[in-house]
Amino acid sequence: MPTILKTILLLTCANIFMSFAWYAHLKNLSQKPWIIAALISWGIALVEYMFQVPANRIGFTVMSLAQLKILQEEITLAVFVPFAVFYMQQPLKLDFLWAGFCLMGAVYFMFRT
C-alpha cells in the first residue's frame, strides 16, 4: 500500500476517534460532571493517538510537516461534517462546503511542486 494512502487511512481513523473524544460528550454526557466527560474523552483520545502517531511517523517519511498538517485538517473536515450532521444531529450548512474549498486551496499550495 502506498505510504500516502496508509497515512490517509490512519489519519481518518484517528479523526473519527478525535471527533468523538472532543464532541460526543456534549450529546452523551451533558448531565455528568465535566471531570467524568474529560476522563472518558481522554480514554477515547488515547485510541486516537494510537492511530495518529503512526500516521504522522509514516507520512513524515514522504511529506513535509506542513503537508501532514494540511492533510490532517482536510481529513478532519471530511470526518467532522458527517459526524456533526449524522451523530450530533446538526444542520448541514453551506459553510461546510466553503470551508472545504478553502482547505482544498491550502492542500494545493502545500502539495504543489
PDB file of N, CA and C in Angstrom:
ATOM      1  N   MET A   1       0.857  -1.179   0.000  1.00  0.00           N
ATOM      2  CA  MET A   1       0.000   0.000   0.000  1.00  0.00           C
ATOM      3  C   MET A   1       0.901   1.240   0.000  1.00  0.00           C
ATOM      4  N   PRO A   2       0.604   2.224  -0.833  1.00  0.00           N
ATOM      5  CA  PRO A   2       1.422   3.441  -0.873  1.00  0.00           C
ATOM      6  C   PRO A   2       1.422   4.170   0.478  1.00  0.00           C
ATOM      7  N   THR A   3       2.539   4.785   0.787  1.00  0.00           N
ATOM      8  CA  THR A   3       2.728   5.464   2.071  1.00  0.00           C
ATOM      9  C   THR A   3       1.666   6.535   2.318  1.00  0.00           C
ATOM     10  N   ILE A   4       1.362   7.331   1.315  1.00  0.00           N
ATOM     11  CA  ILE A   4       0.378   8.397   1.498  1.00  0.00           C
ATOM     12  C   ILE A   4      -1.000   7.808   1.795  1.00  0.00           C
ATOM     13  N   LEU A   5      -1.357   6.710   1.135  1.00  0.00           N
ATOM     14  CA  LEU A   5      -2.649   6.074   1.393  1.00  0.00           C
ATOM     15  C   LEU A   5      -2.707   5.522   2.826  1.00  0.00           C
ATOM     16  N   LYS A   6      -1.619   4.890   3.284  1.00  0.00           N
ATOM     17  CA  LYS A   6      -1.563   4.424   4.679  1.00  0.00           C
ATOM     18  C   LYS A   6      -1.768   5.590   5.636  1.00  0.00           C
ATOM     19  N   THR A   7      -1.094   6.687   5.350  1.00  0.00           N
ATOM     20  CA  THR A   7      -1.202   7.879   6.195  1.00  0.00           C
ATOM     21  C   THR A   7      -2.636   8.389   6.224  1.00  0.00           C
ATOM     22  N   ILE A   8      -3.265   8.476   5.071  1.00  0.00           N
ATOM     23  CA  ILE A   8      -4.643   8.958   4.983  1.00  0.00           C
ATOM     24  C   ILE A   8      -5.593   8.051   5.757  1.00  0.00           C
ATOM     25  N   LEU A   9      -5.441   6.753   5.606  1.00  0.00           N
ATOM     26  CA  LEU A   9      -6.321   5.808   6.309  1.00  0.00           C
ATOM     27  C   LEU A   9      -6.148   5.899   7.830  1.00  0.00           C
ATOM     28  N   LEU A  10      -4.897   5.958   8.273  1.00  0.00           N
ATOM     29  CA  LEU A  10      -4.645   6.063   9.711  1.00  0.00           C
ATOM     30  C   LEU A  10      -5.146   7.399  10.265  1.00  0.00           C
ATOM     31  N   LEU A  11      -4.921   8.481   9.540  1.00  0.00           N
ATOM     32  CA  LEU A  11      -5.405   9.786   9.996  1.00  0.00           C
ATOM     33  C   LEU A  11      -6.932   9.846  10.002  1.00  0.00           C
ATOM     34  N   THR A  12      -7.564   9.174   9.065  1.00  0.00           N
ATOM     35  CA  THR A  12      -9.025   9.125   9.059  1.00  0.00           C
ATOM     36  C   THR A  12      -9.539   8.402  10.301  1.00  0.00           C
ATOM     37  N   CYS A  13      -8.950   7.259  10.625  1.00  0.00           N
ATOM     38  CA  CYS A  13      -9.331   6.543  11.852  1.00  0.00           C
ATOM     39  C   CYS A  13      -9.091   7.433  13.075  1.00  0.00           C
ATOM     40  N   ALA A  14      -7.943   8.083  13.124  1.00  0.00           N
ATOM     41  CA  ALA A  14      -7.630   8.960  14.255  1.00  0.00           C
ATOM     42  C   ALA A  14      -8.657  10.070  14.381  1.00  0.00           C
ATOM     43  N   ASN A  15      -9.059  10.644  13.262  1.00  0.00           N
ATOM     44  CA  ASN A  15     -10.019  11.755  13.295  1.00  0.00           C
ATOM     45  C   ASN A  15     -11.417  11.307  13.706  1.00  0.00           C
ATOM     46  N   ILE A  16     -11.782  10.093  13.395  1.00  0.00           N
ATOM     47  CA  ILE A  16     -13.073   9.573  13.863  1.00  0.00           C
ATOM     48  C   ILE A  16     -13.067   9.532  15.388  1.00  0.00           C
ATOM     49  N   PHE A  17     -12.009   8.951  15.959  1.00  0.00           N
ATOM     50  CA  PHE A  17     -11.913   8.905  17.421  1.00  0.00           C
ATOM     51  C   PHE A  17     -11.787  10.300  18.019  1.00  0.00           C
ATOM     52  N   MET A  18     -11.044  11.179  17.340  1.00  0.00           N
ATOM     53  CA  MET A  18     -10.882  12.542  17.833  1.00  0.00           C
ATOM     54  C   MET A  18     -12.227  13.266  17.908  1.00  0.00           C
ATOM     55  N   SER A  19     -13.047  13.101  16.886  1.00  0.00           N
ATOM     56  CA  SER A  19     -14.358  13.765  16.886  1.00  0.00           C
ATOM     57  C   SER A  19     -15.193  13.298  18.072  1.00  0.00           C
ATOM     58  N   PHE A  20     -15.166  12.014  18.352  1.00  0.00           N
ATOM     59  CA  PHE A  20     -15.913  11.502  19.499  1.00  0.00           C
ATOM     60  C   PHE A  20     -15.315  12.003  20.807  1.00  0.00           C
ATOM     61  N   ALA A  21     -13.985  12.010  20.899  1.00  0.00           N
ATOM     62  CA  ALA A  21     -13.337  12.475  22.136  1.00  0.00           C
ATOM     63  C   ALA A  21     -13.643  13.944  22.403  1.00  0.00           C
ATOM     64  N   TRP A  22     -13.668  14.755  21.362  1.00  0.00           N
ATOM     65  CA  TRP A  22     -13.847  16.195  21.526  1.00  0.00           C
ATOM     66  C   TRP A  22     -15.302  16.596  21.698  1.00  0.00           C
ATOM     67  N   TYR A  23     -16.237  15.901  21.028  1.00  0.00           N
ATOM     68  CA  TYR A  23     -17.592  16.423  20.953  1.00  0.00           C
ATOM     69  C   TYR A  23     -18.711  15.496  21.427  1.00  0.00           C
ATOM     70  N   ALA A  24     -18.519  14.192  21.443  1.00  0.00           N
ATOM     71  CA  ALA A  24     -19.625  13.283  21.781  1.00  0.00           C
ATOM     72  C   ALA A  24     -20.122  13.491  23.204  1.00  0.00           C
ATOM     73  N   HIS A  25     -19.254  13.936  24.092  1.00  0.00           N
ATOM     74  CA  HIS A  25     -19.687  14.174  25.472  1.00  0.00           C
ATOM     75  C   HIS A  25     -20.755  15.261  25.546  1.00  0.00           C
ATOM     76  N   LEU A  26     -20.793  16.152  24.559  1.00  0.00           N
ATOM     77  CA  LEU A  26     -21.820  17.198  24.544  1.00  0.00           C
ATOM     78  C   LEU A  26     -23.210  16.588  24.389  1.00  0.00           C
ATOM     79  N   LYS A  27     -23.276  15.464  23.709  1.00  0.00           N
ATOM     80  CA  LYS A  27     -24.543  14.787  23.482  1.00  0.00           C
ATOM     81  C   LYS A  27     -24.810  13.731  24.555  1.00  0.00           C
ATOM     82  N   ASN A  28     -23.790  12.948  24.880  1.00  0.00           N
ATOM     83  CA  ASN A  28     -23.994  11.768  25.716  1.00  0.00           C
ATOM     84  C   ASN A  28     -23.756  11.980  27.204  1.00  0.00           C
ATOM     85  N   LEU A  29     -22.961  12.951  27.552  1.00  0.00           N
ATOM     86  CA  LEU A  29     -22.580  13.111  28.958  1.00  0.00           C
ATOM     87  C   LEU A  29     -22.906  14.498  29.495  1.00  0.00           C
ATOM     88  N   SER A  30     -23.833  15.172  28.884  1.00  0.00           N
ATOM     89  CA  SER A  30     -24.121  16.557  29.285  1.00  0.00           C
ATOM     90  C   SER A  30     -24.642  16.662  30.714  1.00  0.00           C
ATOM     91  N   GLN A  31     -25.203  15.590  31.245  1.00  0.00           N
ATOM     92  CA  GLN A  31     -25.731  15.612  32.612  1.00  0.00           C
ATOM     93  C   GLN A  31     -24.705  15.144  33.642  1.00  0.00           C
ATOM     94  N   LYS A  32     -23.541  14.704  33.180  1.00  0.00           N
ATOM     95  CA  LYS A  32     -22.483  14.224  34.083  1.00  0.00           C
ATOM     96  C   LYS A  32     -21.540  15.373  34.421  1.00  0.00           C
ATOM     97  N   PRO A  33     -20.823  15.266  35.539  1.00  0.00           N
ATOM     98  CA  PRO A  33     -19.804  16.289  35.846  1.00  0.00           C
ATOM     99  C   PRO A  33     -18.744  16.334  34.742  1.00  0.00           C
ATOM    100  N   TRP A  34     -18.175  17.514  34.541  1.00  0.00           N
ATOM    101  CA  TRP A  34     -17.208  17.683  33.448  1.00  0.00           C
ATOM    102  C   TRP A  34     -16.005  16.759  33.619  1.00  0.00           C
ATOM    103  N   ILE A  35     -15.625  16.445  34.838  1.00  0.00           N
ATOM    104  CA  ILE A  35     -14.456  15.584  35.046  1.00  0.00           C
ATOM    105  C   ILE A  35     -14.704  14.178  34.510  1.00  0.00           C
ATOM    106  N   ILE A  36     -15.920  13.698  34.617  1.00  0.00           N
ATOM    107  CA  ILE A  36     -16.278  12.383  34.050  1.00  0.00           C
ATOM    108  C   ILE A  36     -16.154  12.440  32.526  1.00  0.00           C
ATOM    109  N   ALA A  37     -16.698  13.488  31.941  1.00  0.00           N
ATOM    110  CA  ALA A  37     -16.601  13.658  30.487  1.00  0.00           C
ATOM    111  C   ALA A  37     -15.136  13.752  30.056  1.00  0.00           C
ATOM    112  N   ALA A  38     -14.331  14.470  30.833  1.00  0.00           N
ATOM    113  CA  ALA A  38     -12.913  14.621  30.483  1.00  0.00           C
ATOM    114  C   ALA A  38     -12.185  13.276  30.551  1.00  0.00           C
ATOM    115  N   LEU A  39     -12.439  12.504  31.580  1.00  0.00           N
ATOM    116  CA  LEU A  39     -11.761  11.207  31.718  1.00  0.00           C
ATOM    117  C   LEU A  39     -12.160  10.244  30.602  1.00  0.00           C
ATOM    118  N   ILE A  40     -13.435  10.229  30.266  1.00  0.00           N
ATOM    119  CA  ILE A  40     -13.881   9.377  29.159  1.00  0.00           C
ATOM    120  C   ILE A  40     -13.281   9.870  27.844  1.00  0.00           C
ATOM    121  N   SER A  41     -13.259  11.176  27.649  1.00  0.00           N
ATOM    122  CA  SER A  41     -12.662  11.745  26.427  1.00  0.00           C
ATOM    123  C   SER A  41     -11.185  11.418  26.331  1.00  0.00           C
ATOM    124  N   TRP A  42     -10.475  11.457  27.452  1.00  0.00           N
ATOM    125  CA  TRP A  42      -9.054  11.093  27.444  1.00  0.00           C
ATOM    126  C   TRP A  42      -8.858   9.640  27.028  1.00  0.00           C
ATOM    127  N   GLY A  43      -9.747   8.771  27.483  1.00  0.00           N
ATOM    128  CA  GLY A  43      -9.658   7.367  27.073  1.00  0.00           C
ATOM    129  C   GLY A  43      -9.846   7.197  25.584  1.00  0.00           C
ATOM    130  N   ILE A  44     -10.814   7.921  25.032  1.00  0.00           N
ATOM    131  CA  ILE A  44     -11.039   7.868  23.578  1.00  0.00           C
ATOM    132  C   ILE A  44      -9.849   8.481  22.849  1.00  0.00           C
ATOM    133  N   ALA A  45      -9.308   9.564  23.393  1.00  0.00           N
ATOM    134  CA  ALA A  45      -8.167  10.236  22.767  1.00  0.00           C
ATOM    135  C   ALA A  45      -6.932   9.333  22.746  1.00  0.00           C
ATOM    136  N   LEU A  46      -6.796   8.470  23.745  1.00  0.00           N
ATOM    137  CA  LEU A  46      -5.672   7.524  23.740  1.00  0.00           C
ATOM    138  C   LEU A  46      -5.740   6.634  22.506  1.00  0.00           C
ATOM    139  N   VAL A  47      -6.940   6.155  22.185  1.00  0.00           N
ATOM    140  CA  VAL A  47      -7.108   5.338  20.980  1.00  0.00           C
ATOM    141  C   VAL A  47      -6.792   6.177  19.743  1.00  0.00           C
ATOM    142  N   GLU A  48      -7.248   7.429  19.747  1.00  0.00           N
ATOM    143  CA  GLU A  48      -6.949   8.330  18.623  1.00  0.00           C
ATOM    144  C   GLU A  48      -5.448   8.443  18.404  1.00  0.00           C
ATOM    145  N   TYR A  49      -4.705   8.616  19.481  1.00  0.00           N
ATOM    146  CA  TYR A  49      -3.256   8.754  19.370  1.00  0.00           C
ATOM    147  C   TYR A  49      -2.598   7.482  18.851  1.00  0.00           C
ATOM    148  N   MET A  50      -3.206   6.338  19.095  1.00  0.00           N
ATOM    149  CA  MET A  50      -2.639   5.079  18.606  1.00  0.00           C
ATOM    150  C   MET A  50      -2.714   4.987  17.083  1.00  0.00           C
ATOM    151  N   PHE A  51      -3.589   5.763  16.474  1.00  0.00           N
ATOM    152  CA  PHE A  51      -3.650   5.870  15.012  1.00  0.00           C
ATOM    153  C   PHE A  51      -2.856   7.078  14.523  1.00  0.00           C
ATOM    154  N   GLN A  52      -2.962   8.196  15.225  1.00  0.00           N
ATOM    155  CA  GLN A  52      -2.366   9.452  14.779  1.00  0.00           C
ATOM    156  C   GLN A  52      -0.841   9.421  14.798  1.00  0.00           C
ATOM    157  N   VAL A  53      -0.248   8.882  15.855  1.00  0.00           N
ATOM    158  CA  VAL A  53       1.219   8.880  15.948  1.00  0.00           C
ATOM    159  C   VAL A  53       1.845   8.045  14.831  1.00  0.00           C
ATOM    160  N   PRO A  54       1.390   6.802  14.608  1.00  0.00           N
ATOM    161  CA  PRO A  54       1.969   6.060  13.468  1.00  0.00           C
ATOM    162  C   PRO A  54       1.692   6.730  12.126  1.00  0.00           C
ATOM    163  N   ALA A  55       0.503   7.328  11.982  1.00  0.00           N
ATOM    164  CA  ALA A  55       0.188   8.005  10.717  1.00  0.00           C
ATOM    165  C   ALA A  55       1.187   9.117  10.438  1.00  0.00           C
ATOM    166  N   ASN A  56       1.471   9.927  11.442  1.00  0.00           N
ATOM    167  CA  ASN A  56       2.408  11.035  11.237  1.00  0.00           C
ATOM    168  C   ASN A  56       3.835  10.537  11.037  1.00  0.00           C
ATOM    169  N   ARG A  57       4.216   9.488  11.732  1.00  0.00           N
ATOM    170  CA  ARG A  57       5.569   8.939  11.531  1.00  0.00           C
ATOM    171  C   ARG A  57       5.724   8.370  10.123  1.00  0.00           C
ATOM    172  N   ILE A  58       4.699   7.661   9.668  1.00  0.00           N
ATOM    173  CA  ILE A  58       4.740   7.090   8.313  1.00  0.00           C
ATOM    174  C   ILE A  58       4.692   8.215   7.283  1.00  0.00           C
ATOM    175  N   GLY A  59       3.767   9.138   7.455  1.00  0.00           N
ATOM    176  CA  GLY A  59       3.614  10.224   6.492  1.00  0.00           C
ATOM    177  C   GLY A  59       4.824  11.125   6.388  1.00  0.00           C
ATOM    178  N   PHE A  60       5.512  11.323   7.515  1.00  0.00           N
ATOM    179  CA  PHE A  60       6.675  12.215   7.541  1.00  0.00           C
ATOM    180  C   PHE A  60       7.842  11.673   6.721  1.00  0.00           C
ATOM    181  N   THR A  61       7.785  10.392   6.344  1.00  0.00           N
ATOM    182  CA  THR A  61       8.846   9.832   5.501  1.00  0.00           C
ATOM    183  C   THR A  61       8.743  10.303   4.052  1.00  0.00           C
ATOM    184  N   VAL A  62       7.532  10.777   3.654  1.00  0.00           N
ATOM    185  CA  VAL A  62       7.349  11.214   2.269  1.00  0.00           C
ATOM    186  C   VAL A  62       6.746  12.612   2.141  1.00  0.00           C
ATOM    187  N   MET A  63       6.314  13.203   3.272  1.00  0.00           N
ATOM    188  CA  MET A  63       5.705  14.533   3.242  1.00  0.00           C
ATOM    189  C   MET A  63       6.396  15.440   4.244  1.00  0.00           C
ATOM    190  N   SER A  64       6.280  16.730   3.997  1.00  0.00           N
ATOM    191  CA  SER A  64       6.811  17.695   4.958  1.00  0.00           C
ATOM    192  C   SER A  64       5.835  17.817   6.125  1.00  0.00           C
ATOM    193  N   LEU A  65       6.284  18.451   7.180  1.00  0.00           N
ATOM    194  CA  LEU A  65       5.427  18.687   8.341  1.00  0.00           C
ATOM    195  C   LEU A  65       4.199  19.514   7.958  1.00  0.00           C
ATOM    196  N   ALA A  66       4.400  20.545   7.154  1.00  0.00           N
ATOM    197  CA  ALA A  66       3.288  21.388   6.716  1.00  0.00           C
ATOM    198  C   ALA A  66       2.289  20.596   5.870  1.00  0.00           C
ATOM    199  N   GLN A  67       2.789  19.724   5.005  1.00  0.00           N
ATOM    200  CA  GLN A  67       1.896  18.896   4.201  1.00  0.00           C
ATOM    201  C   GLN A  67       1.078  17.961   5.081  1.00  0.00           C
ATOM    202  N   LEU A  68       1.716  17.363   6.070  1.00  0.00           N
ATOM    203  CA  LEU A  68       0.999  16.487   7.001  1.00  0.00           C
ATOM    204  C   LEU A  68      -0.110  17.251   7.725  1.00  0.00           C
ATOM    205  N   LYS A  69       0.193  18.454   8.169  1.00  0.00           N
ATOM    206  CA  LYS A  69      -0.783  19.248   8.907  1.00  0.00           C
ATOM    207  C   LYS A  69      -1.983  19.615   8.042  1.00  0.00           C
ATOM    208  N   ILE A  70      -1.743  20.060   6.832  1.00  0.00           N
ATOM    209  CA  ILE A  70      -2.839  20.436   5.942  1.00  0.00           C
ATOM    210  C   ILE A  70      -3.660  19.212   5.554  1.00  0.00           C
ATOM    211  N   LEU A  71      -3.000  18.087   5.306  1.00  0.00           N
ATOM    212  CA  LEU A  71      -3.709  16.845   5.017  1.00  0.00           C
ATOM    213  C   LEU A  71      -4.609  16.465   6.185  1.00  0.00           C
ATOM    214  N   GLN A  72      -4.083  16.577   7.399  1.00  0.00           N
ATOM    215  CA  GLN A  72      -4.856  16.258   8.600  1.00  0.00           C
ATOM    216  C   GLN A  72      -6.069  17.173   8.721  1.00  0.00           C
ATOM    217  N   GLU A  73      -5.918  18.449   8.422  1.00  0.00           N
ATOM    218  CA  GLU A  73      -7.039  19.392   8.508  1.00  0.00           C
ATOM    219  C   GLU A  73      -8.121  19.054   7.486  1.00  0.00           C
ATOM    220  N   GLU A  74      -7.727  18.686   6.297  1.00  0.00           N
ATOM    221  CA  GLU A  74      -8.699  18.296   5.264  1.00  0.00           C
ATOM    222  C   GLU A  74      -9.453  17.040   5.698  1.00  0.00           C
ATOM    223  N   ILE A  75      -8.737  16.065   6.231  1.00  0.00           N
ATOM    224  CA  ILE A  75      -9.378  14.844   6.728  1.00  0.00           C
ATOM    225  C   ILE A  75     -10.296  15.173   7.902  1.00  0.00           C
ATOM    226  N   THR A  76      -9.870  16.080   8.771  1.00  0.00           N
ATOM    227  CA  THR A  76     -10.704  16.471   9.906  1.00  0.00           C
ATOM    228  C   THR A  76     -12.048  17.002   9.431  1.00  0.00           C
ATOM    229  N   LEU A  77     -12.055  17.867   8.439  1.00  0.00           N
ATOM    230  CA  LEU A  77     -13.315  18.403   7.935  1.00  0.00           C
ATOM    231  C   LEU A  77     -14.146  17.304   7.282  1.00  0.00           C
ATOM    232  N   ALA A  78     -13.494  16.423   6.535  1.00  0.00           N
ATOM    233  CA  ALA A  78     -14.214  15.332   5.869  1.00  0.00           C
ATOM    234  C   ALA A  78     -14.863  14.386   6.881  1.00  0.00           C
ATOM    235  N   VAL A  79     -14.245  14.215   8.035  1.00  0.00           N
ATOM    236  CA  VAL A  79     -14.802  13.367   9.094  1.00  0.00           C
ATOM    237  C   VAL A  79     -15.818  14.154   9.921  1.00  0.00           C
ATOM    238  N   PHE A  80     -15.508  15.423  10.206  1.00  0.00           N
ATOM    239  CA  PHE A  80     -16.354  16.217  11.084  1.00  0.00           C
ATOM    240  C   PHE A  80     -17.749  16.470  10.513  1.00  0.00           C
ATOM    241  N   VAL A  81     -17.848  16.747   9.235  1.00  0.00           N
ATOM    242  CA  VAL A  81     -19.153  17.084   8.648  1.00  0.00           C
ATOM    243  C   VAL A  81     -20.144  15.928   8.821  1.00  0.00           C
ATOM    244  N   PRO A  82     -19.813  14.689   8.417  1.00  0.00           N
ATOM    245  CA  PRO A  82     -20.773  13.606   8.667  1.00  0.00           C
ATOM    246  C   PRO A  82     -21.021  13.367  10.165  1.00  0.00           C
ATOM    247  N   PHE A  83     -19.985  13.517  10.969  1.00  0.00           N
ATOM    248  CA  PHE A  83     -20.155  13.357  12.426  1.00  0.00           C
ATOM    249  C   PHE A  83     -21.150  14.385  12.954  1.00  0.00           C
ATOM    250  N   ALA A  84     -20.976  15.635  12.562  1.00  0.00           N
ATOM    251  CA  ALA A  84     -21.851  16.701  13.042  1.00  0.00           C
ATOM    252  C   ALA A  84     -23.289  16.503  12.570  1.00  0.00           C
ATOM    253  N   VAL A  85     -23.454  16.126  11.316  1.00  0.00           N
ATOM    254  CA  VAL A  85     -24.786  16.006  10.741  1.00  0.00           C
ATOM    255  C   VAL A  85     -25.496  14.743  11.225  1.00  0.00           C
ATOM    256  N   PHE A  86     -24.824  13.605  11.147  1.00  0.00           N
ATOM    257  CA  PHE A  86     -25.498  12.340  11.436  1.00  0.00           C
ATOM    258  C   PHE A  86     -25.481  11.966  12.920  1.00  0.00           C
ATOM    259  N   TYR A  87     -24.369  12.188  13.596  1.00  0.00           N
ATOM    260  CA  TYR A  87     -24.296  11.788  15.005  1.00  0.00           C
ATOM    261  C   TYR A  87     -24.806  12.878  15.945  1.00  0.00           C
ATOM    262  N   MET A  88     -24.355  14.098  15.709  1.00  0.00           N
ATOM    263  CA  MET A  88     -24.732  15.195  16.599  1.00  0.00           C
ATOM    264  C   MET A  88     -26.032  15.884  16.170  1.00  0.00           C
ATOM    265  N   GLN A  89     -26.600  15.462  15.034  1.00  0.00           N
ATOM    266  CA  GLN A  89     -27.874  15.987  14.544  1.00  0.00           C
ATOM    267  C   GLN A  89     -27.835  17.503  14.308  1.00  0.00           C
ATOM    268  N   GLN A  90     -26.713  17.989  13.812  1.00  0.00           N
ATOM    269  CA  GLN A  90     -26.578  19.401  13.477  1.00  0.00           C
ATOM    270  C   GLN A  90     -27.026  19.612  12.034  1.00  0.00           C
ATOM    271  N   PRO A  91     -27.518  20.788  11.717  1.00  0.00           N
ATOM    272  CA  PRO A  91     -27.952  21.026  10.327  1.00  0.00           C
ATOM    273  C   PRO A  91     -26.751  21.086   9.377  1.00  0.00           C
ATOM    274  N   LEU A  92     -26.950  20.557   8.191  1.00  0.00           N
ATOM    275  CA  LEU A  92     -25.934  20.649   7.142  1.00  0.00           C
ATOM    276  C   LEU A  92     -25.945  22.071   6.617  1.00  0.00           C
ATOM    277  N   LYS A  93     -24.778  22.708   6.622  1.00  0.00           N
ATOM    278  CA  LYS A  93     -24.696  24.104   6.204  1.00  0.00           C
ATOM    279  C   LYS A  93     -23.804  24.242   4.979  1.00  0.00           C
ATOM    280  N   LEU A  94     -24.129  25.206   4.171  1.00  0.00           N
ATOM    281  CA  LEU A  94     -23.317  25.505   3.005  1.00  0.00           C
ATOM    282  C   LEU A  94     -21.912  25.950   3.424  1.00  0.00           C
ATOM    283  N   ASP A  95     -21.785  26.468   4.628  1.00  0.00           N
ATOM    284  CA  ASP A  95     -20.472  26.887   5.131  1.00  0.00           C
ATOM    285  C   ASP A  95     -19.474  25.733   5.161  1.00  0.00           C
ATOM    286  N   PHE A  96     -19.964  24.498   5.362  1.00  0.00           N
ATOM    287  CA  PHE A  96     -19.072  23.333   5.324  1.00  0.00           C
ATOM    288  C   PHE A  96     -18.413  23.224   3.947  1.00  0.00           C
ATOM    289  N   LEU A  97     -19.196  23.473   2.906  1.00  0.00           N
ATOM    290  CA  LEU A  97     -18.669  23.415   1.538  1.00  0.00           C
ATOM    291  C   LEU A  97     -17.613  24.490   1.323  1.00  0.00           C
ATOM    292  N   TRP A  98     -17.906  25.724   1.750  1.00  0.00           N
ATOM    293  CA  TRP A  98     -16.949  26.824   1.567  1.00  0.00           C
ATOM    294  C   TRP A  98     -15.661  26.543   2.354  1.00  0.00           C
ATOM    295  N   ALA A  99     -15.794  26.025   3.565  1.00  0.00           N
ATOM    296  CA  ALA A  99     -14.605  25.679   4.353  1.00  0.00           C
ATOM    297  C   ALA A  99     -13.795  24.598   3.641  1.00  0.00           C
ATOM    298  N   GLY A 100     -14.490  23.643   3.058  1.00  0.00           N
ATOM    299  CA  GLY A 100     -13.809  22.586   2.303  1.00  0.00           C
ATOM    300  C   GLY A 100     -13.044  23.138   1.118  1.00  0.00           C
ATOM    301  N   PHE A 101     -13.652  24.092   0.409  1.00  0.00           N
ATOM    302  CA  PHE A 101     -12.951  24.724  -0.720  1.00  0.00           C
ATOM    303  C   PHE A 101     -11.704  25.467  -0.243  1.00  0.00           C
ATOM    304  N   CYS A 102     -11.814  26.156   0.870  1.00  0.00           N
ATOM    305  CA  CYS A 102     -10.650  26.868   1.412  1.00  0.00           C
ATOM    306  C   CYS A 102      -9.536  25.881   1.769  1.00  0.00           C
ATOM    307  N   LEU A 103      -9.906  24.776   2.393  1.00  0.00           N
ATOM    308  CA  LEU A 103      -8.896  23.772   2.738  1.00  0.00           C
ATOM    309  C   LEU A 103      -8.299  23.122   1.493  1.00  0.00           C
ATOM    310  N   MET A 104      -9.114  22.940   0.458  1.00  0.00           N
ATOM    311  CA  MET A 104      -8.565  22.382  -0.786  1.00  0.00           C
ATOM    312  C   MET A 104      -7.533  23.335  -1.379  1.00  0.00           C
ATOM    313  N   GLY A 105      -7.776  24.631  -1.243  1.00  0.00           N
ATOM    314  CA  GLY A 105      -6.771  25.609  -1.682  1.00  0.00           C
ATOM    315  C   GLY A 105      -5.491  25.466  -0.883  1.00  0.00           C
ATOM    316  N   ALA A 106      -5.622  25.265   0.419  1.00  0.00           N
ATOM    317  CA  ALA A 106      -4.439  25.065   1.266  1.00  0.00           C
ATOM    318  C   ALA A 106      -3.698  23.799   0.859  1.00  0.00           C
ATOM    319  N   VAL A 107      -4.445  22.739   0.561  1.00  0.00           N
ATOM    320  CA  VAL A 107      -3.815  21.489   0.108  1.00  0.00           C
ATOM    321  C   VAL A 107      -3.047  21.748  -1.182  1.00  0.00           C
ATOM    322  N   TYR A 108      -3.662  22.466  -2.107  1.00  0.00           N
ATOM    323  CA  TYR A 108      -2.988  22.770  -3.374  1.00  0.00           C
ATOM    324  C   TYR A 108      -1.657  23.474  -3.128  1.00  0.00           C
ATOM    325  N   PHE A 109      -1.670  24.518  -2.313  1.00  0.00           N
ATOM    326  CA  PHE A 109      -0.450  25.284  -2.103  1.00  0.00           C
ATOM    327  C   PHE A 109       0.625  24.488  -1.353  1.00  0.00           C
ATOM    328  N   MET A 110       0.227  23.601  -0.456  1.00  0.00           N
ATOM    329  CA  MET A 110       1.202  22.805   0.294  1.00  0.00           C
ATOM    330  C   MET A 110       1.799  21.678  -0.533  1.00  0.00           C
ATOM    331  N   PHE A 111       1.023  21.145  -1.483  1.00  0.00           N
ATOM    332  CA  PHE A 111       1.483  19.971  -2.228  1.00  0.00           C
ATOM    333  C   PHE A 111       1.976  20.281  -3.633  1.00  0.00           C
ATOM    334  N   ARG A 112       1.866  21.535  -4.083  1.00  0.00           N
ATOM    335  CA  ARG A 112       2.359  21.838  -5.423  1.00  0.00           C
ATOM    336  C   ARG A 112       3.881  21.733  -5.426  1.00  0.00           C
ATOM    337  N   THR A 113       4.391  21.366  -6.554  1.00  0.00           N
ATOM    338  CA  THR A 113       5.858  21.199  -6.655  1.00  0.00           C
ATOM    339  C   THR A 113       6.472  22.232  -7.556  1.00  0.00           C
TER     340      THR A 113
END
